[in-house]
């Protein structure tokens, strides 16, 4: 992701975060040749965490290499989920995902307790 695309992705991500229902939890995981999580676990949706997230997102850059989603998806979907908070995973990407079949298999494996939505930018 480069130039304008990363700016559009950051705007979209902030819009998603502003749309989270009250009493929810969230996390942001960036991916490329590696993945980085914003928090070690999902955090409560409140002013402090939202402001912290927006601050971190403002510093995002298109510097993570390719579009290798599997490790990020695997980390997210294998984390224990709290029944009180259904897991919804939103994937924003600007291109083709490396090893799409493996990613889809992991999503299918976990589809009883997680919903995955993807958006192309």
PDB file of N, CA and C in Angstrom:
ATOM      1  N   UNK A   1       0.861  -1.164   0.000  1.00  0.00           N
ATOM      2  CA  UNK A   1       0.000   0.000   0.000  1.00  0.00           C
ATOM      3  C   UNK A   1       0.903   1.220   0.000  1.00  0.00           C
ATOM      4  N   UNK A   2       0.617   2.167  -0.842  1.00  0.00           N
ATOM      5  CA  UNK A   2       1.484   3.335  -0.873  1.00  0.00           C
ATOM      6  C   UNK A   2       0.682   4.592  -1.142  1.00  0.00           C
ATOM      7  N   UNK A   3       1.321   5.734  -0.861  1.00  0.00           N
ATOM      8  CA  UNK A   3       0.738   7.036  -1.178  1.00  0.00           C
ATOM      9  C   UNK A   3      -0.687   7.195  -0.718  1.00  0.00           C
ATOM     10  N   UNK A   4      -1.552   7.512  -1.664  1.00  0.00           N
ATOM     11  CA  UNK A   4      -2.952   7.787  -1.370  1.00  0.00           C
ATOM     12  C   UNK A   4      -3.661   6.581  -0.777  1.00  0.00           C
ATOM     13  N   UNK A   5      -3.312   5.388  -1.203  1.00  0.00           N
ATOM     14  CA  UNK A   5      -3.985   4.184  -0.695  1.00  0.00           C
ATOM     15  C   UNK A   5      -3.876   4.059   0.814  1.00  0.00           C
ATOM     16  N   UNK A   6      -2.694   4.296   1.357  1.00  0.00           N
ATOM     17  CA  UNK A   6      -2.541   4.166   2.806  1.00  0.00           C
ATOM     18  C   UNK A   6      -3.368   5.230   3.518  1.00  0.00           C
ATOM     19  N   UNK A   7      -3.454   6.413   2.950  1.00  0.00           N
ATOM     20  CA  UNK A   7      -4.270   7.471   3.562  1.00  0.00           C
ATOM     21  C   UNK A   7      -5.751   7.075   3.559  1.00  0.00           C
ATOM     22  N   UNK A   8      -6.215   6.492   2.452  1.00  0.00           N
ATOM     23  CA  UNK A   8      -7.605   6.030   2.367  1.00  0.00           C
ATOM     24  C   UNK A   8      -7.840   4.911   3.377  1.00  0.00           C
ATOM     25  N   UNK A   9      -6.884   3.999   3.494  1.00  0.00           N
ATOM     26  CA  UNK A   9      -7.016   2.903   4.455  1.00  0.00           C
ATOM     27  C   UNK A   9      -7.077   3.432   5.885  1.00  0.00           C
ATOM     28  N   UNK A  10      -6.263   4.419   6.212  1.00  0.00           N
ATOM     29  CA  UNK A  10      -6.277   5.002   7.548  1.00  0.00           C
ATOM     30  C   UNK A  10      -7.610   5.685   7.833  1.00  0.00           C
ATOM     31  N   UNK A  11      -8.134   6.403   6.842  1.00  0.00           N
ATOM     32  CA  UNK A  11      -9.449   7.049   7.008  1.00  0.00           C
ATOM     33  C   UNK A  11     -10.543   6.008   7.207  1.00  0.00           C
ATOM     34  N   UNK A  12     -10.494   4.943   6.414  1.00  0.00           N
ATOM     35  CA  UNK A  12     -11.494   3.879   6.538  1.00  0.00           C
ATOM     36  C   UNK A  12     -11.401   3.213   7.907  1.00  0.00           C
ATOM     37  N   UNK A  13     -10.201   2.951   8.369  1.00  0.00           N
ATOM     38  CA  UNK A  13     -10.010   2.328   9.669  1.00  0.00           C
ATOM     39  C   UNK A  13     -10.567   3.211  10.787  1.00  0.00           C
ATOM     40  N   UNK A  14     -10.297   4.493  10.719  1.00  0.00           N
ATOM     41  CA  UNK A  14     -10.833   5.414  11.732  1.00  0.00           C
ATOM     42  C   UNK A  14     -12.356   5.444  11.686  1.00  0.00           C
ATOM     43  N   UNK A  15     -12.920   5.408  10.489  1.00  0.00           N
ATOM     44  CA  UNK A  15     -14.377   5.361  10.356  1.00  0.00           C
ATOM     45  C   UNK A  15     -14.938   4.093  10.987  1.00  0.00           C
ATOM     46  N   UNK A  16     -14.306   2.954  10.730  1.00  0.00           N
ATOM     47  CA  UNK A  16     -14.738   1.698  11.362  1.00  0.00           C
ATOM     48  C   UNK A  16     -14.696   1.824  12.877  1.00  0.00           C
ATOM     49  N   UNK A  17     -13.606   2.351  13.399  1.00  0.00           N
ATOM     50  CA  UNK A  17     -13.471   2.450  14.850  1.00  0.00           C
ATOM     51  C   UNK A  17     -14.520   3.376  15.453  1.00  0.00           C
ATOM     52  N   UNK A  18     -14.836   4.458  14.763  1.00  0.00           N
ATOM     53  CA  UNK A  18     -15.866   5.374  15.270  1.00  0.00           C
ATOM     54  C   UNK A  18     -17.255   4.727  15.246  1.00  0.00           C
ATOM     55  N   UNK A  19     -17.414   3.679  14.459  1.00  0.00           N
ATOM     56  CA  UNK A  19     -18.711   3.019  14.289  1.00  0.00           C
ATOM     57  C   UNK A  19     -18.909   1.831  15.227  1.00  0.00           C
ATOM     58  N   UNK A  20     -17.937   1.542  16.055  1.00  0.00           N
ATOM     59  CA  UNK A  20     -18.056   0.411  16.972  1.00  0.00           C
ATOM     60  C   UNK A  20     -19.151   0.708  17.994  1.00  0.00           C
ATOM     61  N   UNK A  21     -20.016  -0.269  18.255  1.00  0.00           N
ATOM     62  CA  UNK A  21     -21.075  -0.051  19.259  1.00  0.00           C
ATOM     63  C   UNK A  21     -20.485   0.131  20.660  1.00  0.00           C
ATOM     64  N   UNK A  22     -21.187   0.879  21.503  1.00  0.00           N
ATOM     65  CA  UNK A  22     -20.729   1.036  22.896  1.00  0.00           C
ATOM     66  C   UNK A  22     -20.594  -0.333  23.576  1.00  0.00           C
ATOM     67  N   UNK A  23     -19.781  -0.390  24.591  1.00  0.00           N
ATOM     68  CA  UNK A  23     -19.548  -1.611  25.378  1.00  0.00           C
ATOM     69  C   UNK A  23     -18.907  -2.729  24.555  1.00  0.00           C
ATOM     70  N   UNK A  24     -18.163  -2.354  23.541  1.00  0.00           N
ATOM     71  CA  UNK A  24     -17.444  -3.328  22.721  1.00  0.00           C
ATOM     72  C   UNK A  24     -15.973  -3.333  23.098  1.00  0.00           C
ATOM     73  N   UNK A  25     -15.242  -4.244  22.485  1.00  0.00           N
ATOM     74  CA  UNK A  25     -13.794  -4.308  22.613  1.00  0.00           C
ATOM     75  C   UNK A  25     -13.231  -4.303  21.196  1.00  0.00           C
ATOM     76  N   UNK A  26     -11.982  -3.863  21.047  1.00  0.00           N
ATOM     77  CA  UNK A  26     -11.385  -3.814  19.715  1.00  0.00           C
ATOM     78  C   UNK A  26      -9.876  -3.970  19.790  1.00  0.00           C
ATOM     79  N   UNK A  27      -9.300  -4.267  18.641  1.00  0.00           N
ATOM     80  CA  UNK A  27      -7.860  -4.277  18.465  1.00  0.00           C
ATOM     81  C   UNK A  27      -7.603  -3.989  16.990  1.00  0.00           C
ATOM     82  N   UNK A  28      -6.414  -3.577  16.653  1.00  0.00           N
ATOM     83  CA  UNK A  28      -6.024  -3.321  15.269  1.00  0.00           C
ATOM     84  C   UNK A  28      -4.754  -4.126  15.016  1.00  0.00           C
ATOM     85  N   UNK A  29      -4.771  -4.906  13.937  1.00  0.00           N
ATOM     86  CA  UNK A  29      -3.607  -5.705  13.569  1.00  0.00           C
ATOM     87  C   UNK A  29      -3.220  -5.326  12.147  1.00  0.00           C
ATOM     88  N   UNK A  30      -2.000  -4.860  11.980  1.00  0.00           N
ATOM     89  CA  UNK A  30      -1.476  -4.505  10.660  1.00  0.00           C
ATOM     90  C   UNK A  30      -0.728  -5.710  10.105  1.00  0.00           C
ATOM     91  N   UNK A  31      -0.770  -5.869   8.776  1.00  0.00           N
ATOM     92  CA  UNK A  31      -0.084  -7.019   8.193  1.00  0.00           C
ATOM     93  C   UNK A  31       0.614  -6.637   6.904  1.00  0.00           C
ATOM     94  N   UNK A  32       1.630  -7.398   6.606  1.00  0.00           N
ATOM     95  CA  UNK A  32       2.436  -7.268   5.390  1.00  0.00           C
ATOM     96  C   UNK A  32       3.303  -8.501   5.325  1.00  0.00           C
ATOM     97  N   UNK A  33       4.622  -8.336   5.285  1.00  0.00           N
ATOM     98  CA  UNK A  33       5.525  -9.489   5.372  1.00  0.00           C
ATOM     99  C   UNK A  33       5.529 -10.061   6.788  1.00  0.00           C
ATOM    100  N   UNK A  34       5.028  -9.298   7.718  1.00  0.00           N
ATOM    101  CA  UNK A  34       4.885  -9.669   9.131  1.00  0.00           C
ATOM    102  C   UNK A  34       3.583  -9.056   9.608  1.00  0.00           C
ATOM    103  N   UNK A  35       3.222  -9.252  10.869  1.00  0.00           N
ATOM    104  CA  UNK A  35       2.052  -8.557  11.396  1.00  0.00           C
ATOM    105  C   UNK A  35       2.398  -7.916  12.727  1.00  0.00           C
ATOM    106  N   UNK A  36       1.712  -6.835  13.024  1.00  0.00           N
ATOM    107  CA  UNK A  36       1.906  -6.115  14.276  1.00  0.00           C
ATOM    108  C   UNK A  36       0.541  -5.822  14.875  1.00  0.00           C
ATOM    109  N   UNK A  37       0.416  -6.094  16.158  1.00  0.00           N
ATOM    110  CA  UNK A  37      -0.842  -5.817  16.853  1.00  0.00           C
ATOM    111  C   UNK A  37      -0.722  -4.505  17.610  1.00  0.00           C
ATOM    112  N   UNK A  38      -1.803  -3.754  17.642  1.00  0.00           N
ATOM    113  CA  UNK A  38      -1.797  -2.493  18.362  1.00  0.00           C
ATOM    114  C   UNK A  38      -1.768  -2.756  19.868  1.00  0.00           C
ATOM    115  N   UNK A  39      -2.519  -3.763  20.296  1.00  0.00           N
ATOM    116  CA  UNK A  39      -2.589  -4.146  21.707  1.00  0.00           C
ATOM    117  C   UNK A  39      -2.396  -5.653  21.799  1.00  0.00           C
ATOM    118  N   UNK A  40      -1.905  -6.135  22.935  1.00  0.00           N
ATOM    119  CA  UNK A  40      -1.713  -7.577  23.106  1.00  0.00           C
ATOM    120  C   UNK A  40      -3.034  -8.331  23.143  1.00  0.00           C
ATOM    121  N   UNK A  41      -4.077  -7.646  23.527  1.00  0.00           N
ATOM    122  CA  UNK A  41      -5.423  -8.226  23.524  1.00  0.00           C
ATOM    123  C   UNK A  41      -6.407  -7.101  23.252  1.00  0.00           C
ATOM    124  N   UNK A  42      -7.617  -7.475  22.915  1.00  0.00           N
ATOM    125  CA  UNK A  42      -8.624  -6.449  22.635  1.00  0.00           C
ATOM    126  C   UNK A  42      -8.838  -5.585  23.871  1.00  0.00           C
ATOM    127  N   UNK A  43      -9.098  -4.314  23.628  1.00  0.00           N
ATOM    128  CA  UNK A  43      -9.275  -3.353  24.722  1.00  0.00           C
ATOM    129  C   UNK A  43     -10.694  -2.789  24.676  1.00  0.00           C
ATOM    130  N   UNK A  44     -11.177  -2.299  25.805  1.00  0.00           N
ATOM    131  CA  UNK A  44     -12.528  -1.719  25.826  1.00  0.00           C
ATOM    132  C   UNK A  44     -12.621  -0.479  24.939  1.00  0.00           C
ATOM    133  N   UNK A  45     -13.755  -0.329  24.314  1.00  0.00           N
ATOM    134  CA  UNK A  45     -14.038   0.843  23.481  1.00  0.00           C
ATOM    135  C   UNK A  45     -14.429   1.988  24.402  1.00  0.00           C
ATOM    136  N   UNK A  46     -13.514   2.928  24.597  1.00  0.00           N
ATOM    137  CA  UNK A  46     -13.778   4.119  25.411  1.00  0.00           C
ATOM    138  C   UNK A  46     -12.904   5.245  24.884  1.00  0.00           C
ATOM    139  N   UNK A  47     -13.140   6.454  25.349  1.00  0.00           N
ATOM    140  CA  UNK A  47     -12.428   7.625  24.809  1.00  0.00           C
ATOM    141  C   UNK A  47     -10.914   7.469  24.838  1.00  0.00           C
ATOM    142  N   UNK A  48     -10.368   6.979  25.951  1.00  0.00           N
ATOM    143  CA  UNK A  48      -8.911   6.863  26.070  1.00  0.00           C
ATOM    144  C   UNK A  48      -8.336   5.913  25.025  1.00  0.00           C
ATOM    145  N   UNK A  49      -8.951   4.745  24.884  1.00  0.00           N
ATOM    146  CA  UNK A  49      -8.408   3.769  23.933  1.00  0.00           C
ATOM    147  C   UNK A  49      -8.633   4.214  22.496  1.00  0.00           C
ATOM    148  N   UNK A  50      -9.744   4.880  22.235  1.00  0.00           N
ATOM    149  CA  UNK A  50      -9.990   5.369  20.875  1.00  0.00           C
ATOM    150  C   UNK A  50      -8.977   6.445  20.507  1.00  0.00           C
ATOM    151  N   UNK A  51      -8.739   7.384  21.407  1.00  0.00           N
ATOM    152  CA  UNK A  51      -7.758   8.442  21.134  1.00  0.00           C
ATOM    153  C   UNK A  51      -6.372   7.859  20.934  1.00  0.00           C
ATOM    154  N   UNK A  52      -6.010   6.866  21.746  1.00  0.00           N
ATOM    155  CA  UNK A  52      -4.724   6.201  21.589  1.00  0.00           C
ATOM    156  C   UNK A  52      -4.645   5.520  20.222  1.00  0.00           C
ATOM    157  N   UNK A  53      -5.706   4.823  19.830  1.00  0.00           N
ATOM    158  CA  UNK A  53      -5.736   4.135  18.535  1.00  0.00           C
ATOM    159  C   UNK A  53      -5.621   5.140  17.385  1.00  0.00           C
ATOM    160  N   UNK A  54      -6.381   6.225  17.446  1.00  0.00           N
ATOM    161  CA  UNK A  54      -6.325   7.228  16.376  1.00  0.00           C
ATOM    162  C   UNK A  54      -4.924   7.823  16.263  1.00  0.00           C
ATOM    163  N   UNK A  55      -4.283   8.058  17.384  1.00  0.00           N
ATOM    164  CA  UNK A  55      -2.921   8.580  17.391  1.00  0.00           C
ATOM    165  C   UNK A  55      -1.966   7.596  16.711  1.00  0.00           C
ATOM    166  N   UNK A  56      -2.081   6.321  17.047  1.00  0.00           N
ATOM    167  CA  UNK A  56      -1.215   5.307  16.443  1.00  0.00           C
ATOM    168  C   UNK A  56      -1.506   5.156  14.952  1.00  0.00           C
ATOM    169  N   UNK A  57      -2.767   5.170  14.577  1.00  0.00           N
ATOM    170  CA  UNK A  57      -3.148   5.037  13.166  1.00  0.00           C
ATOM    171  C   UNK A  57      -2.585   6.199  12.343  1.00  0.00           C
ATOM    172  N   UNK A  58      -2.555   7.388  12.922  1.00  0.00           N
ATOM    173  CA  UNK A  58      -2.046   8.549  12.187  1.00  0.00           C
ATOM    174  C   UNK A  58      -0.583   8.354  11.783  1.00  0.00           C
ATOM    175  N   UNK A  59       0.128   7.489  12.489  1.00  0.00           N
ATOM    176  CA  UNK A  59       1.531   7.234  12.190  1.00  0.00           C
ATOM    177  C   UNK A  59       1.738   6.002  11.296  1.00  0.00           C
ATOM    178  N   UNK A  60       0.667   5.326  10.906  1.00  0.00           N
ATOM    179  CA  UNK A  60       0.790   4.175  10.011  1.00  0.00           C
ATOM    180  C   UNK A  60       1.408   4.618   8.699  1.00  0.00           C
ATOM    181  N   UNK A  61       2.216   3.745   8.127  1.00  0.00           N
ATOM    182  CA  UNK A  61       2.808   4.010   6.828  1.00  0.00           C
ATOM    183  C   UNK A  61       2.794   2.712   6.030  1.00  0.00           C
ATOM    184  N   UNK A  62       2.975   2.820   4.744  1.00  0.00           N
ATOM    185  CA  UNK A  62       2.974   1.647   3.863  1.00  0.00           C
ATOM    186  C   UNK A  62       4.367   1.042   3.840  1.00  0.00           C
ATOM    187  N   UNK A  63       4.769   0.456   4.971  1.00  0.00           N
ATOM    188  CA  UNK A  63       6.139  -0.012   5.097  1.00  0.00           C
ATOM    189  C   UNK A  63       6.249  -1.452   5.601  1.00  0.00           C
ATOM    190  N   UNK A  64       5.209  -2.255   5.357  1.00  0.00           N
ATOM    191  CA  UNK A  64       5.224  -3.616   5.892  1.00  0.00           C
ATOM    192  C   UNK A  64       5.414  -4.679   4.815  1.00  0.00           C
ATOM    193  N   UNK A  65       5.738  -4.291   3.619  1.00  0.00           N
ATOM    194  CA  UNK A  65       6.017  -5.265   2.569  1.00  0.00           C
ATOM    195  C   UNK A  65       4.749  -5.778   1.906  1.00  0.00           C
ATOM    196  N   UNK A  66       4.685  -7.091   1.690  1.00  0.00           N
ATOM    197  CA  UNK A  66       3.606  -7.733   0.930  1.00  0.00           C
ATOM    198  C   UNK A  66       2.263  -7.760   1.629  1.00  0.00           C
ATOM    199  N   UNK A  67       1.444  -8.711   1.199  1.00  0.00           N
ATOM    200  CA  UNK A  67       0.100  -8.858   1.767  1.00  0.00           C
ATOM    201  C   UNK A  67      -0.074 -10.286   2.288  1.00  0.00           C
ATOM    202  N   UNK A  68       0.756 -10.656   3.239  1.00  0.00           N
ATOM    203  CA  UNK A  68       0.716 -11.986   3.835  1.00  0.00           C
ATOM    204  C   UNK A  68      -0.182 -11.937   5.068  1.00  0.00           C
ATOM    205  N   UNK A  69      -1.407 -12.313   4.874  1.00  0.00           N
ATOM    206  CA  UNK A  69      -2.453 -12.185   5.900  1.00  0.00           C
ATOM    207  C   UNK A  69      -2.522 -13.372   6.843  1.00  0.00           C
ATOM    208  N   UNK A  70      -2.040 -14.548   6.429  1.00  0.00           N
ATOM    209  CA  UNK A  70      -2.291 -15.763   7.209  1.00  0.00           C
ATOM    210  C   UNK A  70      -1.833 -15.659   8.663  1.00  0.00           C
ATOM    211  N   UNK A  71      -0.624 -15.230   8.928  1.00  0.00           N
ATOM    212  CA  UNK A  71      -0.134 -15.193  10.316  1.00  0.00           C
ATOM    213  C   UNK A  71      -0.990 -14.275  11.185  1.00  0.00           C
ATOM    214  N   UNK A  72      -1.410 -13.151  10.635  1.00  0.00           N
ATOM    215  CA  UNK A  72      -2.275 -12.233  11.394  1.00  0.00           C
ATOM    216  C   UNK A  72      -3.628 -12.877  11.669  1.00  0.00           C
ATOM    217  N   UNK A  73      -4.232 -13.472  10.635  1.00  0.00           N
ATOM    218  CA  UNK A  73      -5.533 -14.141  10.786  1.00  0.00           C
ATOM    219  C   UNK A  73      -5.422 -15.277  11.803  1.00  0.00           C
ATOM    220  N   UNK A  74      -4.369 -16.056  11.696  1.00  0.00           N
ATOM    221  CA  UNK A  74      -4.169 -17.172  12.610  1.00  0.00           C
ATOM    222  C   UNK A  74      -4.061 -16.675  14.050  1.00  0.00           C
ATOM    223  N   UNK A  75      -3.282 -15.617  14.270  1.00  0.00           N
ATOM    224  CA  UNK A  75      -3.132 -15.074  15.626  1.00  0.00           C
ATOM    225  C   UNK A  75      -4.487 -14.611  16.162  1.00  0.00           C
ATOM    226  N   UNK A  76      -5.223 -13.894  15.347  1.00  0.00           N
ATOM    227  CA  UNK A  76      -6.518 -13.360  15.784  1.00  0.00           C
ATOM    228  C   UNK A  76      -7.511 -14.483  16.068  1.00  0.00           C
ATOM    229  N   UNK A  77      -7.653 -15.392  15.128  1.00  0.00           N
ATOM    230  CA  UNK A  77      -8.700 -16.406  15.238  1.00  0.00           C
ATOM    231  C   UNK A  77      -8.398 -17.496  16.251  1.00  0.00           C
ATOM    232  N   UNK A  78      -7.147 -17.640  16.658  1.00  0.00           N
ATOM    233  CA  UNK A  78      -6.825 -18.659  17.662  1.00  0.00           C
ATOM    234  C   UNK A  78      -6.786 -18.087  19.074  1.00  0.00           C
ATOM    235  N   UNK A  79      -6.979 -16.783  19.206  1.00  0.00           N
ATOM    236  CA  UNK A  79      -7.062 -16.186  20.540  1.00  0.00           C
ATOM    237  C   UNK A  79      -8.404 -16.556  21.158  1.00  0.00           C
ATOM    238  N   UNK A  80      -8.392 -16.784  22.460  1.00  0.00           N
ATOM    239  CA  UNK A  80      -9.640 -17.106  23.154  1.00  0.00           C
ATOM    240  C   UNK A  80     -10.596 -15.927  23.018  1.00  0.00           C
ATOM    241  N   UNK A  81     -11.832 -16.243  22.722  1.00  0.00           N
ATOM    242  CA  UNK A  81     -12.848 -15.211  22.525  1.00  0.00           C
ATOM    243  C   UNK A  81     -13.788 -15.196  23.725  1.00  0.00           C
ATOM    244  N   UNK A  82     -14.106 -14.005  24.205  1.00  0.00           N
ATOM    245  CA  UNK A  82     -15.068 -13.886  25.294  1.00  0.00           C
ATOM    246  C   UNK A  82     -16.474 -13.999  24.720  1.00  0.00           C
ATOM    247  N   UNK A  83     -17.282 -14.875  25.278  1.00  0.00           N
ATOM    248  CA  UNK A  83     -18.641 -15.072  24.763  1.00  0.00           C
ATOM    249  C   UNK A  83     -19.451 -13.780  24.762  1.00  0.00           C
ATOM    250  N   UNK A  84     -19.168 -12.908  25.705  1.00  0.00           N
ATOM    251  CA  UNK A  84     -19.911 -11.647  25.810  1.00  0.00           C
ATOM    252  C   UNK A  84     -19.660 -10.752  24.591  1.00  0.00           C
ATOM    253  N   UNK A  85     -18.512 -10.962  23.956  1.00  0.00           N
ATOM    254  CA  UNK A  85     -18.126 -10.123  22.820  1.00  0.00           C
ATOM    255  C   UNK A  85     -17.932 -10.994  21.580  1.00  0.00           C
ATOM    256  N   UNK A  86     -18.930 -11.079  20.706  1.00  0.00           N
ATOM    257  CA  UNK A  86     -18.743 -11.858  19.482  1.00  0.00           C
ATOM    258  C   UNK A  86     -17.587 -11.276  18.664  1.00  0.00           C
ATOM    259  N   UNK A  87     -16.827 -12.139  18.028  1.00  0.00           N
ATOM    260  CA  UNK A  87     -15.674 -11.677  17.260  1.00  0.00           C
ATOM    261  C   UNK A  87     -16.094 -11.337  15.838  1.00  0.00           C
ATOM    262  N   UNK A  88     -15.835 -10.103  15.464  1.00  0.00           N
ATOM    263  CA  UNK A  88     -16.007  -9.640  14.091  1.00  0.00           C
ATOM    264  C   UNK A  88     -14.654  -9.136  13.635  1.00  0.00           C
ATOM    265  N   UNK A  89     -14.195  -9.665  12.544  1.00  0.00           N
ATOM    266  CA  UNK A  89     -12.888  -9.306  12.017  1.00  0.00           C
ATOM    267  C   UNK A  89     -13.090  -8.597  10.683  1.00  0.00           C
ATOM    268  N   UNK A  90     -12.545  -7.394  10.577  1.00  0.00           N
ATOM    269  CA  UNK A  90     -12.652  -6.599   9.360  1.00  0.00           C
ATOM    270  C   UNK A  90     -11.262  -6.495   8.744  1.00  0.00           C
ATOM    271  N   UNK A  91     -11.129  -6.946   7.503  1.00  0.00           N
ATOM    272  CA  UNK A  91      -9.849  -6.929   6.807  1.00  0.00           C
ATOM    273  C   UNK A  91      -9.906  -5.835   5.751  1.00  0.00           C
ATOM    274  N   UNK A  92      -9.009  -4.866   5.855  1.00  0.00           N
ATOM    275  CA  UNK A  92      -8.879  -3.813   4.842  1.00  0.00           C
ATOM    276  C   UNK A  92      -7.572  -4.067   4.104  1.00  0.00           C
ATOM    277  N   UNK A  93      -7.639  -4.174   2.789  1.00  0.00           N
ATOM    278  CA  UNK A  93      -6.426  -4.417   2.007  1.00  0.00           C
ATOM    279  C   UNK A  93      -6.521  -3.706   0.668  1.00  0.00           C
ATOM    280  N   UNK A  94      -5.371  -3.460   0.104  1.00  0.00           N
ATOM    281  CA  UNK A  94      -5.327  -2.772  -1.196  1.00  0.00           C
ATOM    282  C   UNK A  94      -4.989  -3.710  -2.333  1.00  0.00           C
ATOM    283  N   UNK A  95      -4.895  -4.989  -2.057  1.00  0.00           N
ATOM    284  CA  UNK A  95      -4.512  -5.882  -3.149  1.00  0.00           C
ATOM    285  C   UNK A  95      -4.756  -7.328  -2.832  1.00  0.00           C
ATOM    286  N   UNK A  96      -4.213  -8.164  -3.689  1.00  0.00           N
ATOM    287  CA  UNK A  96      -4.349  -9.596  -3.531  1.00  0.00           C
ATOM    288  C   UNK A  96      -3.614 -10.089  -2.299  1.00  0.00           C
ATOM    289  N   UNK A  97      -4.187 -11.071  -1.656  1.00  0.00           N
ATOM    290  CA  UNK A  97      -3.599 -11.671  -0.461  1.00  0.00           C
ATOM    291  C   UNK A  97      -2.732 -12.849  -0.876  1.00  0.00           C
ATOM    292  N   UNK A  98      -1.559 -12.945  -0.285  1.00  0.00           N
ATOM    293  CA  UNK A  98      -0.679 -14.078  -0.532  1.00  0.00           C
ATOM    294  C   UNK A  98      -1.283 -15.333   0.086  1.00  0.00           C
ATOM    295  N   UNK A  99      -1.271 -16.436  -0.614  1.00  0.00           N
ATOM    296  CA  UNK A  99      -1.751 -17.739  -0.146  1.00  0.00           C
ATOM    297  C   UNK A  99      -3.216 -17.675   0.308  1.00  0.00           C
ATOM    298  N   UNK A 100      -4.043 -17.170  -0.592  1.00  0.00           N
ATOM    299  CA  UNK A 100      -5.464 -16.959  -0.312  1.00  0.00           C
ATOM    300  C   UNK A 100      -6.145 -18.229   0.172  1.00  0.00           C
ATOM    301  N   UNK A 101      -5.852 -19.349  -0.434  1.00  0.00           N
ATOM    302  CA  UNK A 101      -6.521 -20.606  -0.063  1.00  0.00           C
ATOM    303  C   UNK A 101      -6.267 -20.960   1.401  1.00  0.00           C
ATOM    304  N   UNK A 102      -5.047 -20.808   1.855  1.00  0.00           N
ATOM    305  CA  UNK A 102      -4.695 -21.100   3.251  1.00  0.00           C
ATOM    306  C   UNK A 102      -5.447 -20.162   4.200  1.00  0.00           C
ATOM    307  N   UNK A 103      -5.554 -18.900   3.827  1.00  0.00           N
ATOM    308  CA  UNK A 103      -6.292 -17.922   4.640  1.00  0.00           C
ATOM    309  C   UNK A 103      -7.760 -18.320   4.718  1.00  0.00           C
ATOM    310  N   UNK A 104      -8.343 -18.658   3.579  1.00  0.00           N
ATOM    311  CA  UNK A 104      -9.766 -19.043   3.557  1.00  0.00           C
ATOM    312  C   UNK A 104     -10.020 -20.311   4.361  1.00  0.00           C
ATOM    313  N   UNK A 105      -9.107 -21.263   4.303  1.00  0.00           N
ATOM    314  CA  UNK A 105      -9.257 -22.485   5.096  1.00  0.00           C
ATOM    315  C   UNK A 105      -9.272 -22.166   6.585  1.00  0.00           C
ATOM    316  N   UNK A 106      -8.392 -21.269   7.026  1.00  0.00           N
ATOM    317  CA  UNK A 106      -8.356 -20.890   8.444  1.00  0.00           C
ATOM    318  C   UNK A 106      -9.654 -20.213   8.851  1.00  0.00           C
ATOM    319  N   UNK A 107     -10.170 -19.343   8.001  1.00  0.00           N
ATOM    320  CA  UNK A 107     -11.424 -18.655   8.300  1.00  0.00           C
ATOM    321  C   UNK A 107     -12.562 -19.668   8.397  1.00  0.00           C
ATOM    322  N   UNK A 108     -12.624 -20.612   7.457  1.00  0.00           N
ATOM    323  CA  UNK A 108     -13.669 -21.653   7.502  1.00  0.00           C
ATOM    324  C   UNK A 108     -13.565 -22.479   8.776  1.00  0.00           C
ATOM    325  N   UNK A 109     -12.350 -22.784   9.171  1.00  0.00           N
ATOM    326  CA  UNK A 109     -12.108 -23.586  10.374  1.00  0.00           C
ATOM    327  C   UNK A 109     -12.675 -22.890  11.623  1.00  0.00           C
ATOM    328  N   UNK A 110     -12.686 -21.568  11.620  1.00  0.00           N
ATOM    329  CA  UNK A 110     -13.080 -20.797  12.802  1.00  0.00           C
ATOM    330  C   UNK A 110     -14.424 -20.096  12.636  1.00  0.00           C
ATOM    331  N   UNK A 111     -15.184 -20.435  11.610  1.00  0.00           N
ATOM    332  CA  UNK A 111     -16.390 -19.656  11.326  1.00  0.00           C
ATOM    333  C   UNK A 111     -17.542 -19.900  12.286  1.00  0.00           C
ATOM    334  N   UNK A 112     -17.418 -20.817  13.221  1.00  0.00           N
ATOM    335  CA  UNK A 112     -18.478 -21.022  14.209  1.00  0.00           C
ATOM    336  C   UNK A 112     -18.492 -19.947  15.285  1.00  0.00           C
ATOM    337  N   UNK A 113     -17.364 -19.275  15.475  1.00  0.00           N
ATOM    338  CA  UNK A 113     -17.293 -18.278  16.539  1.00  0.00           C
ATOM    339  C   UNK A 113     -16.716 -16.938  16.075  1.00  0.00           C
ATOM    340  N   UNK A 114     -16.483 -16.787  14.795  1.00  0.00           N
ATOM    341  CA  UNK A 114     -15.936 -15.532  14.274  1.00  0.00           C
ATOM    342  C   UNK A 114     -16.573 -15.211  12.936  1.00  0.00           C
ATOM    343  N   UNK A 115     -16.798 -13.928  12.710  1.00  0.00           N
ATOM    344  CA  UNK A 115     -17.258 -13.457  11.402  1.00  0.00           C
ATOM    345  C   UNK A 115     -16.151 -12.610  10.807  1.00  0.00           C
ATOM    346  N   UNK A 116     -15.846 -12.856   9.538  1.00  0.00           N
ATOM    347  CA  UNK A 116     -14.773 -12.139   8.865  1.00  0.00           C
ATOM    348  C   UNK A 116     -15.361 -11.390   7.683  1.00  0.00           C
ATOM    349  N   UNK A 117     -15.034 -10.100   7.602  1.00  0.00           N
ATOM    350  CA  UNK A 117     -15.507  -9.232   6.524  1.00  0.00           C
ATOM    351  C   UNK A 117     -14.278  -8.621   5.855  1.00  0.00           C
ATOM    352  N   UNK A 118     -14.262  -8.581   4.536  1.00  0.00           N
ATOM    353  CA  UNK A 118     -13.103  -7.986   3.858  1.00  0.00           C
ATOM    354  C   UNK A 118     -13.526  -6.820   2.994  1.00  0.00           C
ATOM    355  N   UNK A 119     -12.624  -5.855   2.922  1.00  0.00           N
ATOM    356  CA  UNK A 119     -12.871  -4.630   2.147  1.00  0.00           C
ATOM    357  C   UNK A 119     -11.625  -4.309   1.349  1.00  0.00           C
ATOM    358  N   UNK A 120     -11.794  -4.101   0.065  1.00  0.00           N
ATOM    359  CA  UNK A 120     -10.684  -3.702  -0.792  1.00  0.00           C
ATOM    360  C   UNK A 120     -10.628  -2.185  -0.879  1.00  0.00           C
ATOM    361  N   UNK A 121      -9.428  -1.667  -0.803  1.00  0.00           N
ATOM    362  CA  UNK A 121      -9.238  -0.220  -0.859  1.00  0.00           C
ATOM    363  C   UNK A 121      -8.523   0.098  -2.166  1.00  0.00           C
TER     364      UNK A 121
END
